[in-house]
Amino acid sequence: MEAFPMDVDSTNFAGSRGARRSVDARVVDRHVVRSATRGMSTGSVHVSLLFAATLALVCPVLSTTAGCGGKTPPVQGDDDDNPIIDAPKDIDAPPDAPPGPCTLPSLSLTVATLAGCGENGTTDGVRDHARFSNPVNVVLAQDGSAFVADFDTNRIRKVDPTGSTTTILSALPSFQRPFGLALAPDGTLYAETDDNDLMEHSITTGTVWRVDTATGAATVVARNLGRPRGLAVLTDGKLAMSDQLHHTISILDPVTAGVTLLAGTTDAPGHVNDVGAAARFSQPYDLALLPDGDLAVADFDNHRIRRVKLDGTVSDLAGAGAIGDTDGDVATATFHSPKGITVMADGTIFVTDADNHDIRQIAGGQVTKLAGTGVPGWKDSNDPLQAQLYGIEGIDTDGTTLLVADGNNGDLEAFNRIRVIHLADLAAFTHRADARAATHVAPTHR
């Protein structure tokens, strides 16, 4: 049996987050070749031709193989830059056997992997056994556990603080492509699916569900809402929704299923600070409730964070609008495609800055990079600025930790993890870094 030395994932798919067929080509088993040649001549010409044909078949679907060429996958490593490779499956085991554990650095690192491995899957279990398939969103419950929208397998998963994972909703044919998540103070979980319960899929079929986290039962609140991937529960129990494809912010009453436009105009993208329908957004991806009752919106294609009052007044909260990764004053700082957003009780905002592959913090009128090198990949680290992130989207906080859905970004690379950032450790690291900077003496040049 031969295993390639890198963890790769090969796929064939159509469209963005569309129908996908995963091909696991990480391991080549010699007995497959022997079986294929059984009954054939064993001459060197025949074997050489078979080997060449095998490479011609296998190489095009591999990201990286020995002798095949192709692109090099993003770096994966631990805190000491040692490569961390997910353990290959035991291919002598029955086909339906669960995968073995992958190698994960310590959960105590400042930026760590809470659960999940590179390869995709649906396996439940402890943190290094659990498998996800493009986790796109996460929301924290009061007990410290988290609910995860596992997009490619149409499931809602639950992860406890140790990384142990269970599935609470699966095998529901009408529940397809879950993305938006919001948890009400009474424990009610709301989930958005891009498809409706009639199993229709279009840019208008977004549907909001109420999910019973104890039984996994899901009931429709409202269907055909557009594409409201961002959800936030307001203080009156209604849901604020950001419609990514139709560029609007709306309010959904989960009791009556009535929808009221708050700001923006359907199918009219732009950047305009105004009131109600006169305001403009460009792919508002997510939103979160601020302590004062306003909404903070990750305006993806405007590369800004917007503030929306409940009277419909829209203003810029952070970001100059240019593409970049510049920290500093909220008026001059730059973002690159912000997606997820969450807010602490003190008003501190955290953003997944997707195309910068880092986490940004907004506090005290300043934007700072919280975690990430800016290079896509997977690396856990005690130094948050040396950690690597890949397909970061949904984010949530309980004030002590940040959880981030770090999926494959729709490109089906081998990134399917839930990441955790320990905020207390982060504060200690920042304090140490500031102390080192303060005691540094610049050399004297003669």
Protein backbone atom coordinates (compact mmCIF):
# COMPACT_ATOMS: atom_id res chain seq x y z
CA MET A 1 0.00 0.00 0.00
CA GLU A 2 1.36 3.43 -0.91
CA ALA A 3 0.13 6.72 0.53
CA PHE A 4 0.94 10.07 -0.98
CA PRO A 5 2.75 12.26 1.55
CA MET A 6 0.39 15.22 1.30
CA ASP A 7 -3.25 15.52 2.32
CA VAL A 8 -5.13 16.30 -0.87
CA ASP A 9 -8.73 16.53 -1.89
CA SER A 10 -9.85 16.20 -5.48
CA THR A 11 -13.27 17.07 -6.75
CA ASN A 12 -15.47 17.66 -9.73
CA PHE A 13 -18.15 20.28 -9.34
CA ALA A 14 -20.42 22.55 -11.31
CA GLY A 15 -21.04 26.15 -10.37
CA SER A 16 -20.36 28.06 -7.19
CA ARG A 17 -21.39 25.89 -4.27
CA GLY A 18 -23.37 23.87 -6.78
CA ALA A 19 -23.61 20.13 -7.33
CA ARG A 20 -20.37 18.49 -6.27
CA ARG A 21 -18.87 15.02 -6.56
CA SER A 22 -15.95 14.31 -4.28
CA VAL A 23 -13.19 11.95 -5.36
CA ASP A 24 -10.85 10.65 -2.65
CA ALA A 25 -7.56 10.13 -4.44
CA ARG A 26 -5.25 10.46 -1.46
CA VAL A 27 -4.18 6.83 -1.45
CA VAL A 28 -3.17 4.42 -4.23
CA ASP A 29 -3.47 0.72 -3.30
CA ARG A 30 -1.23 -1.70 -5.14
CA HIS A 31 -3.86 -4.44 -5.00
CA VAL A 32 -6.04 -2.31 -7.30
CA VAL A 33 -3.32 -2.49 -9.96
CA ARG A 34 -2.86 -6.19 -9.34
CA SER A 35 -6.59 -6.78 -9.72
CA ALA A 36 -6.67 -4.79 -12.94
CA THR A 37 -3.83 -6.86 -14.41
CA ARG A 38 -5.15 -10.23 -13.36
CA GLY A 39 -5.41 -12.45 -16.45
CA MET A 40 -3.23 -10.13 -18.52
CA SER A 41 0.33 -10.62 -19.66
CA THR A 42 2.88 -9.68 -17.04
CA GLY A 43 5.36 -8.42 -19.58
CA SER A 44 7.08 -5.15 -18.82
CA VAL A 45 5.38 -3.45 -21.75
CA HIS A 46 1.94 -4.28 -20.48
CA VAL A 47 2.79 -3.20 -16.95
CA SER A 48 4.34 0.04 -18.17
CA LEU A 49 1.33 0.84 -20.28
CA LEU A 50 -1.01 0.15 -17.38
CA PHE A 51 1.06 2.29 -15.05
CA ALA A 52 1.08 5.16 -17.53
CA ALA A 53 -2.65 4.83 -18.04
CA THR A 54 -3.18 4.81 -14.28
CA LEU A 55 -1.16 8.02 -13.88
CA ALA A 56 -3.04 9.64 -16.75
CA LEU A 57 -6.30 8.85 -14.97
CA VAL A 58 -5.21 9.75 -11.46
CA CYS A 59 -2.97 12.79 -11.96
CA PRO A 60 -5.58 15.17 -13.44
CA VAL A 61 -7.75 14.93 -10.32
CA LEU A 62 -4.97 15.29 -7.77
CA SER A 63 -3.92 18.61 -6.26
CA THR A 64 -0.41 17.34 -5.55
CA THR A 65 1.18 13.93 -6.17
CA ALA A 66 4.71 12.65 -6.44
CA GLY A 67 5.68 12.90 -10.07
CA CYS A 68 2.32 14.26 -11.27
CA GLY A 69 2.92 17.99 -10.98
CA GLY A 70 0.01 20.33 -10.33
CA LYS A 71 -0.49 23.11 -7.84
CA THR A 72 0.96 23.04 -4.37
CA PRO A 73 -1.72 23.16 -1.67
CA PRO A 74 -1.69 25.87 1.00
CA VAL A 75 0.71 25.30 3.89
CA GLN A 76 -0.53 23.24 6.81
CA GLY A 77 1.54 23.13 9.98
CA ASP A 78 1.74 23.41 13.73
CA ASP A 79 3.12 26.15 15.93
CA ASP A 80 6.71 25.14 15.18
CA ASP A 81 6.22 25.05 11.41
CA ASN A 82 6.25 21.25 11.40
CA PRO A 83 3.83 19.89 8.83
CA ILE A 84 0.62 18.42 10.20
CA ILE A 85 -0.78 15.83 7.85
CA ASP A 86 -4.18 14.29 8.38
CA ALA A 87 -3.81 10.57 8.97
CA PRO A 88 -4.81 8.59 5.89
CA LYS A 89 -7.76 6.27 5.99
CA ASP A 90 -7.15 2.56 6.52
CA ILE A 91 -8.04 1.49 3.01
CA ASP A 92 -8.04 -2.18 4.04
CA ALA A 93 -11.04 -1.44 6.28
CA PRO A 94 -14.59 -1.87 5.02
CA PRO A 95 -15.77 1.03 2.80
CA ASP A 96 -18.27 2.24 5.41
CA ALA A 97 -15.77 2.27 8.28
CA PRO A 98 -15.41 5.69 9.94
CA PRO A 99 -12.14 7.51 9.24
CA GLY A 100 -9.37 7.34 11.76
CA PRO A 101 -8.15 10.31 13.78
CA CYS A 102 -6.23 13.15 12.21
CA THR A 103 -3.32 14.87 13.96
CA LEU A 104 -4.35 18.13 15.63
CA PRO A 105 -2.18 20.47 17.69
CA SER A 106 -3.22 21.22 21.26
CA LEU A 107 -6.60 22.82 21.85
CA SER A 108 -4.89 25.13 24.37
CA LEU A 109 -3.14 27.15 21.67
CA THR A 110 -4.35 30.73 21.29
CA VAL A 111 -5.63 29.90 17.80
CA ALA A 112 -6.60 26.24 17.69
CA THR A 113 -8.72 23.74 15.84
CA LEU A 114 -11.78 22.96 17.90
CA ALA A 115 -12.93 20.10 15.68
CA GLY A 116 -12.53 18.72 12.18
CA CYS A 117 -9.79 17.60 9.82
CA GLY A 118 -8.69 18.40 6.33
CA GLU A 119 -10.72 15.74 4.58
CA ASN A 120 -14.46 16.15 4.40
CA GLY A 121 -17.09 13.82 5.82
CA THR A 122 -19.99 13.42 8.21
CA THR A 123 -18.38 11.48 11.05
CA ASP A 124 -19.34 12.47 14.59
CA GLY A 125 -16.99 12.02 17.54
CA VAL A 126 -14.16 13.67 19.42
CA ARG A 127 -12.33 16.62 17.91
CA ASP A 128 -9.77 14.63 15.90
CA HIS A 129 -12.33 12.12 14.61
CA ALA A 130 -15.07 14.56 13.60
CA ARG A 131 -15.41 15.43 9.94
CA PHE A 132 -17.23 18.36 8.33
CA SER A 133 -18.01 19.20 4.72
CA ASN A 134 -17.58 22.93 4.16
CA PRO A 135 -18.77 24.35 7.49
CA VAL A 136 -19.92 27.87 6.68
CA ASN A 137 -21.46 29.23 9.85
CA VAL A 138 -21.37 28.83 13.60
CA VAL A 139 -23.41 30.17 16.52
CA LEU A 140 -22.64 29.78 20.22
CA ALA A 141 -25.14 28.61 22.83
CA GLN A 142 -25.18 29.64 26.48
CA ASP A 143 -23.59 26.37 27.61
CA GLY A 144 -20.54 26.97 25.43
CA SER A 145 -21.51 24.49 22.74
CA ALA A 146 -21.89 25.63 19.15
CA PHE A 147 -24.22 24.86 16.26
CA VAL A 148 -22.63 24.57 12.84
CA ALA A 149 -24.15 24.88 9.37
CA ASP A 150 -22.44 22.07 7.44
CA PHE A 151 -23.25 23.30 3.96
CA ASP A 152 -22.23 20.49 1.63
CA THR A 153 -23.96 17.72 3.59
CA ASN A 154 -27.14 19.66 4.46
CA ARG A 155 -26.67 19.13 8.18
CA ILE A 156 -26.73 21.04 11.42
CA ARG A 157 -23.98 19.84 13.76
CA LYS A 158 -23.33 20.50 17.43
CA VAL A 159 -19.82 20.89 18.86
CA ASP A 160 -19.12 21.05 22.58
CA PRO A 161 -16.22 23.02 24.14
CA THR A 162 -13.93 19.97 23.93
CA GLY A 163 -14.57 19.56 20.19
CA SER A 164 -16.82 16.52 20.51
CA THR A 165 -19.28 16.67 17.61
CA THR A 166 -22.77 15.30 17.06
CA THR A 167 -25.32 15.72 14.28
CA ILE A 168 -28.68 17.17 15.30
CA LEU A 169 -30.30 17.52 11.86
CA SER A 170 -29.69 15.32 8.82
CA ALA A 171 -31.45 13.25 6.19
CA LEU A 172 -34.18 15.84 5.68
CA PRO A 173 -34.59 16.07 1.90
CA SER A 174 -36.29 19.46 2.04
CA PHE A 175 -33.51 21.02 4.15
CA GLN A 176 -30.80 21.83 1.60
CA ARG A 177 -27.75 24.13 1.65
CA PRO A 178 -27.91 25.55 5.20
CA PHE A 179 -26.03 28.79 5.74
CA GLY A 180 -27.54 31.47 8.00
CA LEU A 181 -27.78 30.79 11.75
CA ALA A 182 -29.13 32.74 14.70
CA LEU A 183 -29.89 31.69 18.25
CA ALA A 184 -32.60 33.47 20.26
CA PRO A 185 -32.18 34.08 24.01
CA ASP A 186 -34.80 31.40 24.70
CA GLY A 187 -32.69 28.83 22.87
CA THR A 188 -34.64 28.84 19.61
CA LEU A 189 -32.34 28.11 16.70
CA TYR A 190 -33.12 29.73 13.36
CA ALA A 191 -31.45 28.47 10.22
CA GLU A 192 -31.52 29.71 6.63
CA THR A 193 -31.27 27.37 3.65
CA ASP A 194 -30.59 28.54 0.13
CA ASP A 195 -33.21 26.07 -1.15
CA ASN A 196 -36.82 26.06 -0.08
CA ASP A 197 -38.77 23.22 1.50
CA LEU A 198 -40.28 22.36 -1.89
CA MET A 199 -36.74 21.37 -2.97
CA GLU A 200 -36.50 24.28 -5.38
CA HIS A 201 -33.28 26.20 -5.87
CA SER A 202 -32.90 29.68 -7.29
CA ILE A 203 -31.74 33.12 -6.17
CA THR A 204 -35.15 33.65 -4.56
CA THR A 205 -35.72 30.37 -2.70
CA GLY A 206 -33.95 31.23 0.56
CA THR A 207 -35.97 29.84 3.46
CA VAL A 208 -35.82 30.41 7.22
CA TRP A 209 -36.49 27.47 9.52
CA ARG A 210 -37.02 26.96 13.23
CA VAL A 211 -34.90 24.02 14.41
CA ASP A 212 -35.58 22.00 17.55
CA THR A 213 -32.06 21.35 18.83
CA ALA A 214 -33.24 18.48 21.02
CA THR A 215 -35.07 16.47 18.36
CA GLY A 216 -33.66 17.83 15.11
CA ALA A 217 -37.13 18.66 13.84
CA ALA A 218 -37.22 21.64 11.48
CA THR A 219 -40.28 23.72 10.58
CA VAL A 220 -40.53 26.45 7.99
CA VAL A 221 -40.92 30.02 9.25
CA ALA A 222 -41.00 31.61 5.79
CA ARG A 223 -39.92 30.58 2.31
CA ASN A 224 -38.79 32.30 -0.89
CA LEU A 225 -37.12 35.21 0.89
CA GLY A 226 -34.29 35.74 -1.58
CA ARG A 227 -30.86 34.80 -0.22
CA PRO A 228 -30.87 35.98 3.42
CA ARG A 229 -27.67 34.35 4.61
CA GLY A 230 -27.19 36.81 7.47
CA LEU A 231 -29.56 36.46 10.45
CA ALA A 232 -29.70 38.30 13.77
CA VAL A 233 -32.34 38.11 16.50
CA LEU A 234 -33.59 41.54 17.60
CA THR A 235 -34.64 42.39 21.13
CA ASP A 236 -38.33 42.08 20.20
CA GLY A 237 -37.82 38.55 18.86
CA LYS A 238 -37.95 39.48 15.19
CA LEU A 239 -35.17 38.54 12.80
CA ALA A 240 -32.99 40.97 10.88
CA MET A 241 -31.88 39.49 7.54
CA SER A 242 -29.17 40.52 5.10
CA ASP A 243 -29.92 39.40 1.55
CA GLN A 244 -26.57 38.84 -0.08
CA LEU A 245 -27.80 38.53 -3.66
CA HIS A 246 -30.48 41.21 -3.59
CA HIS A 247 -28.55 43.85 -1.59
CA THR A 248 -31.14 44.55 1.12
CA ILE A 249 -31.65 44.46 4.88
CA SER A 250 -35.11 43.30 5.99
CA ILE A 251 -37.01 42.36 9.14
CA LEU A 252 -38.83 39.02 9.41
CA ASP A 253 -41.58 38.46 11.97
CA PRO A 254 -41.30 34.73 12.83
CA VAL A 255 -44.86 34.70 14.16
CA THR A 256 -46.63 36.08 11.10
CA ALA A 257 -43.92 35.37 8.48
CA GLY A 258 -44.28 38.99 7.39
CA VAL A 259 -41.23 40.72 5.91
CA THR A 260 -40.53 44.45 6.05
CA LEU A 261 -37.78 46.14 4.07
CA LEU A 262 -35.46 48.09 6.36
CA ALA A 263 -32.79 49.46 4.01
CA GLY A 264 -31.60 49.10 0.44
CA THR A 265 -33.44 48.45 -2.80
CA THR A 266 -33.87 45.00 -4.28
CA ASP A 267 -31.39 44.24 -7.05
CA ALA A 268 -29.85 47.72 -6.88
CA PRO A 269 -26.27 47.34 -5.60
CA GLY A 270 -24.16 50.32 -4.68
CA HIS A 271 -22.74 52.32 -1.83
CA VAL A 272 -25.06 55.05 -0.60
CA ASN A 273 -25.51 56.21 2.98
CA ASP A 274 -29.13 57.27 3.28
CA VAL A 275 -32.42 56.12 4.79
CA GLY A 276 -34.49 53.09 3.84
CA ALA A 277 -34.83 52.34 0.14
CA ALA A 278 -32.52 55.21 -0.76
CA ALA A 279 -29.55 53.47 0.85
CA ARG A 280 -27.43 51.02 -1.11
CA PHE A 281 -25.44 47.91 -0.24
CA SER A 282 -23.42 45.51 -2.37
CA GLN A 283 -23.75 41.93 -1.21
CA PRO A 284 -24.41 42.42 2.50
CA TYR A 285 -23.18 39.06 3.74
CA ASP A 286 -23.85 38.99 7.47
CA LEU A 287 -25.09 41.19 10.26
CA ALA A 288 -25.02 41.37 14.05
CA LEU A 289 -26.80 43.32 16.75
CA LEU A 290 -24.84 46.12 18.42
CA PRO A 291 -25.31 46.93 22.13
CA ASP A 292 -27.25 50.10 21.28
CA GLY A 293 -29.76 48.16 19.16
CA ASP A 294 -28.31 49.14 15.77
CA LEU A 295 -27.08 46.55 13.29
CA ALA A 296 -23.51 46.07 12.07
CA VAL A 297 -23.45 44.72 8.51
CA ALA A 298 -20.54 43.09 6.67
CA ASP A 299 -20.94 44.71 3.25
CA PHE A 300 -18.93 42.19 1.24
CA ASP A 301 -18.49 43.85 -2.14
CA ASN A 302 -18.18 47.37 -0.73
CA HIS A 303 -15.35 46.15 1.55
CA ARG A 304 -16.90 48.03 4.45
CA ILE A 305 -18.73 47.51 7.70
CA ARG A 306 -22.00 49.45 7.73
CA ARG A 307 -24.25 50.63 10.56
CA VAL A 308 -28.01 50.31 10.11
CA LYS A 309 -30.41 51.84 12.59
CA LEU A 310 -33.83 50.31 13.02
CA ASP A 311 -35.37 53.39 11.43
CA GLY A 312 -33.47 52.48 8.24
CA THR A 313 -30.66 55.04 8.51
CA VAL A 314 -27.45 53.68 7.01
CA SER A 315 -23.88 54.94 7.59
CA ASP A 316 -20.34 53.64 7.32
CA LEU A 317 -19.00 52.10 10.51
CA ALA A 318 -15.55 51.06 9.28
CA GLY A 319 -13.64 50.81 6.04
CA ALA A 320 -12.55 53.26 3.38
CA GLY A 321 -13.97 51.12 0.57
CA ALA A 322 -10.66 50.34 -1.11
CA ILE A 323 -9.48 46.74 -1.19
CA GLY A 324 -6.70 46.21 1.32
CA ASP A 325 -5.58 44.96 4.72
CA THR A 326 -4.63 48.22 6.37
CA ASP A 327 -5.24 48.71 10.08
CA GLY A 328 -5.87 52.06 11.71
CA ASP A 329 -8.68 54.54 12.11
CA VAL A 330 -12.10 53.20 11.09
CA ALA A 331 -12.32 55.85 8.37
CA THR A 332 -9.08 54.85 6.65
CA ALA A 333 -8.73 51.14 7.41
CA THR A 334 -9.29 48.74 4.52
CA PHE A 335 -10.92 45.30 4.17
CA HIS A 336 -11.14 42.72 1.42
CA SER A 337 -14.53 41.02 1.19
CA PRO A 338 -15.71 40.88 4.82
CA LYS A 339 -18.14 38.02 5.39
CA GLY A 340 -18.94 37.08 8.98
CA ILE A 341 -19.48 39.49 11.85
CA THR A 342 -20.12 39.21 15.57
CA VAL A 343 -20.25 41.68 18.46
CA MET A 344 -19.26 41.46 22.12
CA ALA A 345 -21.34 42.98 24.91
CA ASP A 346 -18.90 45.90 25.17
CA GLY A 347 -19.36 46.73 21.48
CA THR A 348 -16.13 45.17 20.20
CA ILE A 349 -16.70 43.85 16.68
CA PHE A 350 -14.97 40.86 15.09
CA VAL A 351 -15.01 40.30 11.33
CA THR A 352 -13.89 37.45 9.10
CA ASP A 353 -12.04 39.34 6.38
CA ALA A 354 -12.40 36.55 3.85
CA ASP A 355 -10.04 37.43 1.02
CA ASN A 356 -7.40 38.61 3.47
CA HIS A 357 -7.70 35.30 5.32
CA ASP A 358 -7.60 37.02 8.68
CA ILE A 359 -9.78 38.12 11.59
CA ARG A 360 -10.17 41.85 12.15
CA GLN A 361 -11.22 43.63 15.33
CA ILE A 362 -13.01 46.98 15.53
CA ALA A 363 -12.84 48.73 18.90
CA GLY A 364 -12.28 52.26 20.14
CA GLY A 365 -12.47 53.70 16.64
CA GLN A 366 -9.59 51.49 15.46
CA VAL A 367 -9.34 48.46 13.20
CA THR A 368 -6.65 45.90 14.01
CA LYS A 369 -5.71 42.47 12.75
CA LEU A 370 -6.53 39.91 15.40
CA ALA A 371 -5.34 36.66 13.82
CA GLY A 372 -4.00 35.34 10.55
CA THR A 373 -0.92 35.78 8.38
CA GLY A 374 -2.88 36.74 5.28
CA VAL A 375 -1.69 33.55 3.57
CA PRO A 376 -4.45 30.95 3.11
CA GLY A 377 -3.82 27.67 4.89
CA TRP A 378 -4.22 25.83 8.15
CA LYS A 379 -1.91 26.47 11.07
CA ASP A 380 -2.67 26.63 14.78
CA SER A 381 -0.42 28.86 16.84
CA ASN A 382 0.10 30.57 20.18
CA ASP A 383 1.00 33.66 18.17
CA PRO A 384 -2.31 34.66 16.56
CA LEU A 385 -0.55 36.56 13.79
CA GLN A 386 1.26 33.37 12.78
CA ALA A 387 -1.93 31.31 12.57
CA GLN A 388 -3.30 30.50 9.13
CA LEU A 389 -6.94 30.47 8.07
CA TYR A 390 -8.58 29.43 4.83
CA GLY A 391 -12.28 29.70 3.94
CA ILE A 392 -13.41 31.73 6.92
CA GLU A 393 -17.05 32.78 6.92
CA GLY A 394 -19.33 32.61 9.98
CA ILE A 395 -18.04 33.81 13.35
CA ASP A 396 -19.48 34.09 16.86
CA THR A 397 -18.31 34.96 20.36
CA ASP A 398 -19.45 34.45 23.93
CA GLY A 399 -16.99 37.00 25.27
CA THR A 400 -14.27 34.49 26.14
CA THR A 401 -13.80 32.65 22.87
CA LEU A 402 -14.25 33.28 19.17
CA LEU A 403 -15.46 30.43 17.01
CA VAL A 404 -14.87 30.56 13.26
CA ALA A 405 -16.26 28.34 10.52
CA ASP A 406 -13.16 27.63 8.44
CA GLY A 407 -14.44 25.70 5.43
CA ASN A 408 -13.25 25.15 1.90
CA ASN A 409 -14.66 28.41 0.50
CA GLY A 410 -16.62 26.49 -2.11
CA ASP A 411 -13.52 25.30 -3.94
CA LEU A 412 -13.51 21.88 -2.25
CA GLU A 413 -9.94 22.03 -1.04
CA ALA A 414 -9.14 19.99 2.09
CA PHE A 415 -10.22 22.59 4.65
CA ASN A 416 -13.17 21.59 6.81
CA ARG A 417 -12.62 22.75 10.36
CA ILE A 418 -14.05 24.77 13.22
CA ARG A 419 -11.40 27.09 14.66
CA VAL A 420 -11.33 28.63 18.13
CA ILE A 421 -9.54 31.77 19.31
CA HIS A 422 -9.09 32.08 23.08
CA LEU A 423 -9.60 35.76 23.79
CA ALA A 424 -8.00 35.70 27.27
CA ASP A 425 -4.82 34.20 25.79
CA LEU A 426 -5.02 36.72 22.98
CA ALA A 427 -5.10 39.60 25.45
CA ALA A 428 -2.09 38.16 27.29
CA PHE A 429 -0.18 37.75 24.02
CA THR A 430 -0.96 41.33 22.97
CA HIS A 431 0.19 42.60 26.36
CA ARG A 432 3.50 40.72 26.05
CA ALA A 433 4.00 41.99 22.50
CA ASP A 434 3.35 45.57 23.61
CA ALA A 435 5.81 45.16 26.47
CA ARG A 436 8.50 43.86 24.12
CA ALA A 437 7.93 46.77 21.76
CA ALA A 438 8.13 49.28 24.61
CA THR A 439 11.48 47.93 25.85
CA HIS A 440 13.05 47.65 22.41
CA VAL A 441 15.91 50.14 21.92
CA ALA A 442 16.65 51.15 18.37
CA PRO A 443 20.33 50.84 17.37
CA THR A 444 22.38 53.99 17.04
CA HIS A 445 23.63 54.63 13.52
CA ARG A 446 26.94 56.45 13.14
